[in-house]
């Protein structure tokens, strides 16, 4: 078996995106509120990809329409994908959906920004100006994305704490 430097089998990377314990049927019926829901429960990698892939897709389609600027719909996509990532992430990976939106947007702006500069030659000043302009223009979307993901994170943590307290109170 071929092992990578981190001890992982390189052929099973896709299985690391979704938590395999999410469909655990070992929980007792009395634990309905505290056991993981059936369906997706994203790992850290999966959470990052749920934010990044829609941004790249919307960005590429937006560049087909106007090749000189990044699309305005990138901000709305950031907000929606961050909220979805926070909702689907397992409890230990929810913080990623709160922290990553600005970082992922910066990466997407750098990658897609290269397409808008084609034919004009490389200039560090132009690259920095393009990056700064894009990050400032998407600042409201970044704040809303972090706020939405943070609110979902807080509400899910509170609901899980209440479910644990209810379970502990019912057992006593």
Protein backbone atom coordinates (compact mmCIF):
# COMPACT_ATOMS: atom_id res chain seq x y z
CA UNK A 1 0.00 0.00 0.00
CA UNK A 2 1.31 3.39 -0.99
CA UNK A 3 1.46 5.79 1.96
CA UNK A 4 1.99 9.54 1.76
CA UNK A 5 4.31 11.47 4.08
CA UNK A 6 1.42 12.00 6.52
CA UNK A 7 0.56 8.32 6.76
CA UNK A 8 -2.51 8.62 4.53
CA UNK A 9 -3.35 6.49 1.56
CA UNK A 10 -3.33 8.95 -1.39
CA UNK A 11 -6.17 7.04 -3.05
CA UNK A 12 -8.60 7.79 -0.19
CA UNK A 13 -8.34 11.58 0.00
CA UNK A 14 -11.95 12.00 -1.18
CA UNK A 15 -13.21 9.98 1.78
CA UNK A 16 -11.63 12.50 4.16
CA UNK A 17 -14.08 15.22 3.12
CA UNK A 18 -17.11 13.74 4.87
CA UNK A 19 -17.08 12.37 8.41
CA UNK A 20 -17.84 8.63 8.20
CA UNK A 21 -19.22 8.58 11.75
CA UNK A 22 -22.09 10.90 10.83
CA UNK A 23 -24.34 7.97 9.94
CA UNK A 24 -23.63 6.12 13.13
CA UNK A 25 -26.60 3.96 14.08
CA UNK A 26 -25.16 3.04 17.48
CA UNK A 27 -26.86 5.86 19.40
CA UNK A 28 -29.77 5.00 21.65
CA UNK A 29 -33.22 6.31 20.70
CA UNK A 30 -33.14 8.58 23.77
CA UNK A 31 -30.14 10.38 22.26
CA UNK A 32 -32.09 11.67 19.25
CA UNK A 33 -31.15 15.28 19.98
CA UNK A 34 -27.47 14.72 20.65
CA UNK A 35 -26.47 12.12 18.07
CA UNK A 36 -25.15 13.24 14.69
CA UNK A 37 -27.80 13.76 12.05
CA UNK A 38 -27.97 11.34 9.16
CA UNK A 39 -26.32 12.80 6.08
CA UNK A 40 -23.33 15.03 5.59
CA UNK A 41 -20.99 16.08 8.33
CA UNK A 42 -18.05 17.87 6.74
CA UNK A 43 -14.48 17.59 7.91
CA UNK A 44 -12.11 20.56 7.90
CA UNK A 45 -11.05 19.88 4.30
CA UNK A 46 -14.63 19.47 3.19
CA UNK A 47 -15.62 22.72 4.89
CA UNK A 48 -12.90 24.64 3.06
CA UNK A 49 -13.90 23.10 -0.26
CA UNK A 50 -17.58 23.93 0.28
CA UNK A 51 -16.51 27.58 0.53
CA UNK A 52 -13.87 27.55 -2.22
CA UNK A 53 -15.46 25.57 -5.06
CA UNK A 54 -18.57 27.76 -5.49
CA UNK A 55 -16.37 30.88 -5.41
CA UNK A 56 -14.16 29.50 -8.16
CA UNK A 57 -17.12 28.40 -10.29
CA UNK A 58 -18.95 31.73 -9.98
CA UNK A 59 -15.70 33.61 -10.53
CA UNK A 60 -14.84 31.70 -13.70
CA UNK A 61 -18.35 32.13 -15.12
CA UNK A 62 -18.24 35.82 -14.23
CA UNK A 63 -14.94 36.21 -16.05
CA UNK A 64 -16.53 34.72 -19.17
CA UNK A 65 -18.98 37.62 -19.15
CA UNK A 66 -16.46 40.35 -18.33
CA UNK A 67 -12.82 39.39 -18.58
CA UNK A 68 -11.43 42.52 -16.94
CA UNK A 69 -13.10 42.49 -13.51
CA UNK A 70 -14.18 39.94 -10.93
CA UNK A 71 -17.95 39.51 -10.70
CA UNK A 72 -20.00 41.21 -8.01
CA UNK A 73 -21.86 37.96 -7.37
CA UNK A 74 -18.69 36.61 -5.78
CA UNK A 75 -19.67 38.35 -2.53
CA UNK A 76 -23.11 36.76 -2.39
CA UNK A 77 -21.57 33.39 -3.18
CA UNK A 78 -19.11 33.86 -0.30
CA UNK A 79 -21.94 34.57 2.15
CA UNK A 80 -24.06 31.61 1.04
CA UNK A 81 -21.21 29.10 0.84
CA UNK A 82 -19.89 30.13 4.28
CA UNK A 83 -23.32 29.70 5.84
CA UNK A 84 -23.78 26.30 4.17
CA UNK A 85 -20.31 25.20 5.28
CA UNK A 86 -21.04 26.25 8.88
CA UNK A 87 -24.35 24.39 8.81
CA UNK A 88 -22.91 21.15 7.37
CA UNK A 89 -19.62 21.05 9.27
CA UNK A 90 -19.15 18.67 12.15
CA UNK A 91 -18.76 20.40 15.52
CA UNK A 92 -14.96 20.23 15.56
CA UNK A 93 -14.73 21.82 12.08
CA UNK A 94 -17.29 24.63 12.40
CA UNK A 95 -14.67 27.18 13.39
CA UNK A 96 -13.15 26.73 9.91
CA UNK A 97 -16.32 28.13 8.32
CA UNK A 98 -15.97 31.22 10.52
CA UNK A 99 -12.24 31.83 10.00
CA UNK A 100 -11.74 30.83 6.37
CA UNK A 101 -14.05 33.03 4.24
CA UNK A 102 -11.63 36.01 4.01
CA UNK A 103 -8.66 33.68 3.50
CA UNK A 104 -10.40 31.67 0.80
CA UNK A 105 -11.59 34.87 -0.90
CA UNK A 106 -8.02 36.18 -0.89
CA UNK A 107 -6.80 32.99 -2.55
CA UNK A 108 -9.59 33.09 -5.15
CA UNK A 109 -8.90 36.79 -5.88
CA UNK A 110 -5.21 36.05 -6.41
CA UNK A 111 -5.93 33.09 -8.72
CA UNK A 112 -8.76 34.65 -10.73
CA UNK A 113 -7.07 38.04 -10.74
CA UNK A 114 -4.36 36.63 -12.95
CA UNK A 115 -6.92 36.17 -15.73
CA UNK A 116 -7.93 39.84 -15.54
CA UNK A 117 -4.30 40.89 -15.99
CA UNK A 118 -3.55 38.72 -19.03
CA UNK A 119 -1.62 40.52 -21.76
CA UNK A 120 -0.57 43.40 -19.56
CA UNK A 121 2.67 41.94 -18.23
CA UNK A 122 3.72 41.34 -14.64
CA UNK A 123 3.96 44.28 -12.29
CA UNK A 124 4.03 43.83 -8.49
CA UNK A 125 2.41 47.23 -8.04
CA UNK A 126 -0.47 46.31 -10.35
CA UNK A 127 -0.90 42.94 -8.61
CA UNK A 128 -1.02 44.61 -5.19
CA UNK A 129 -3.46 47.26 -6.39
CA UNK A 130 -5.73 44.63 -7.93
CA UNK A 131 -5.64 42.52 -4.75
CA UNK A 132 -6.28 45.47 -2.42
CA UNK A 133 -9.12 46.80 -4.58
CA UNK A 134 -10.82 43.41 -4.71
CA UNK A 135 -10.47 42.75 -0.99
CA UNK A 136 -11.85 46.20 -0.12
CA UNK A 137 -14.75 45.93 -2.56
CA UNK A 138 -15.72 42.54 -1.10
CA UNK A 139 -15.26 43.67 2.53
CA UNK A 140 -19.01 43.88 3.30
CA UNK A 141 -19.48 40.36 1.94
CA UNK A 142 -16.55 39.13 4.03
CA UNK A 143 -18.04 40.62 7.19
CA UNK A 144 -21.48 39.17 6.43
CA UNK A 145 -19.98 35.75 5.62
CA UNK A 146 -18.01 35.65 8.86
CA UNK A 147 -21.03 36.96 10.78
CA UNK A 148 -23.43 34.41 9.26
CA UNK A 149 -21.05 31.51 9.85
CA UNK A 150 -20.35 32.76 13.38
CA UNK A 151 -24.05 33.04 14.15
CA UNK A 152 -24.69 29.52 12.86
CA UNK A 153 -21.69 28.27 14.87
CA UNK A 154 -23.04 29.94 18.04
CA UNK A 155 -26.61 28.72 17.58
CA UNK A 156 -25.53 25.13 16.86
CA UNK A 157 -23.19 25.12 19.88
CA UNK A 158 -26.01 26.42 22.06
CA UNK A 159 -28.48 23.87 20.72
CA UNK A 160 -26.03 21.03 21.32
CA UNK A 161 -25.30 22.27 24.84
CA UNK A 162 -29.03 22.45 25.58
CA UNK A 163 -29.51 18.94 24.18
CA UNK A 164 -26.66 17.63 26.38
CA UNK A 165 -28.16 19.35 29.43
CA UNK A 166 -31.57 17.94 28.61
CA UNK A 167 -30.05 14.48 28.22
CA UNK A 168 -28.13 14.80 31.50
CA UNK A 169 -31.17 16.18 33.31
CA UNK A 170 -33.38 13.36 32.05
CA UNK A 171 -30.86 10.73 33.15
CA UNK A 172 -30.69 12.04 36.72
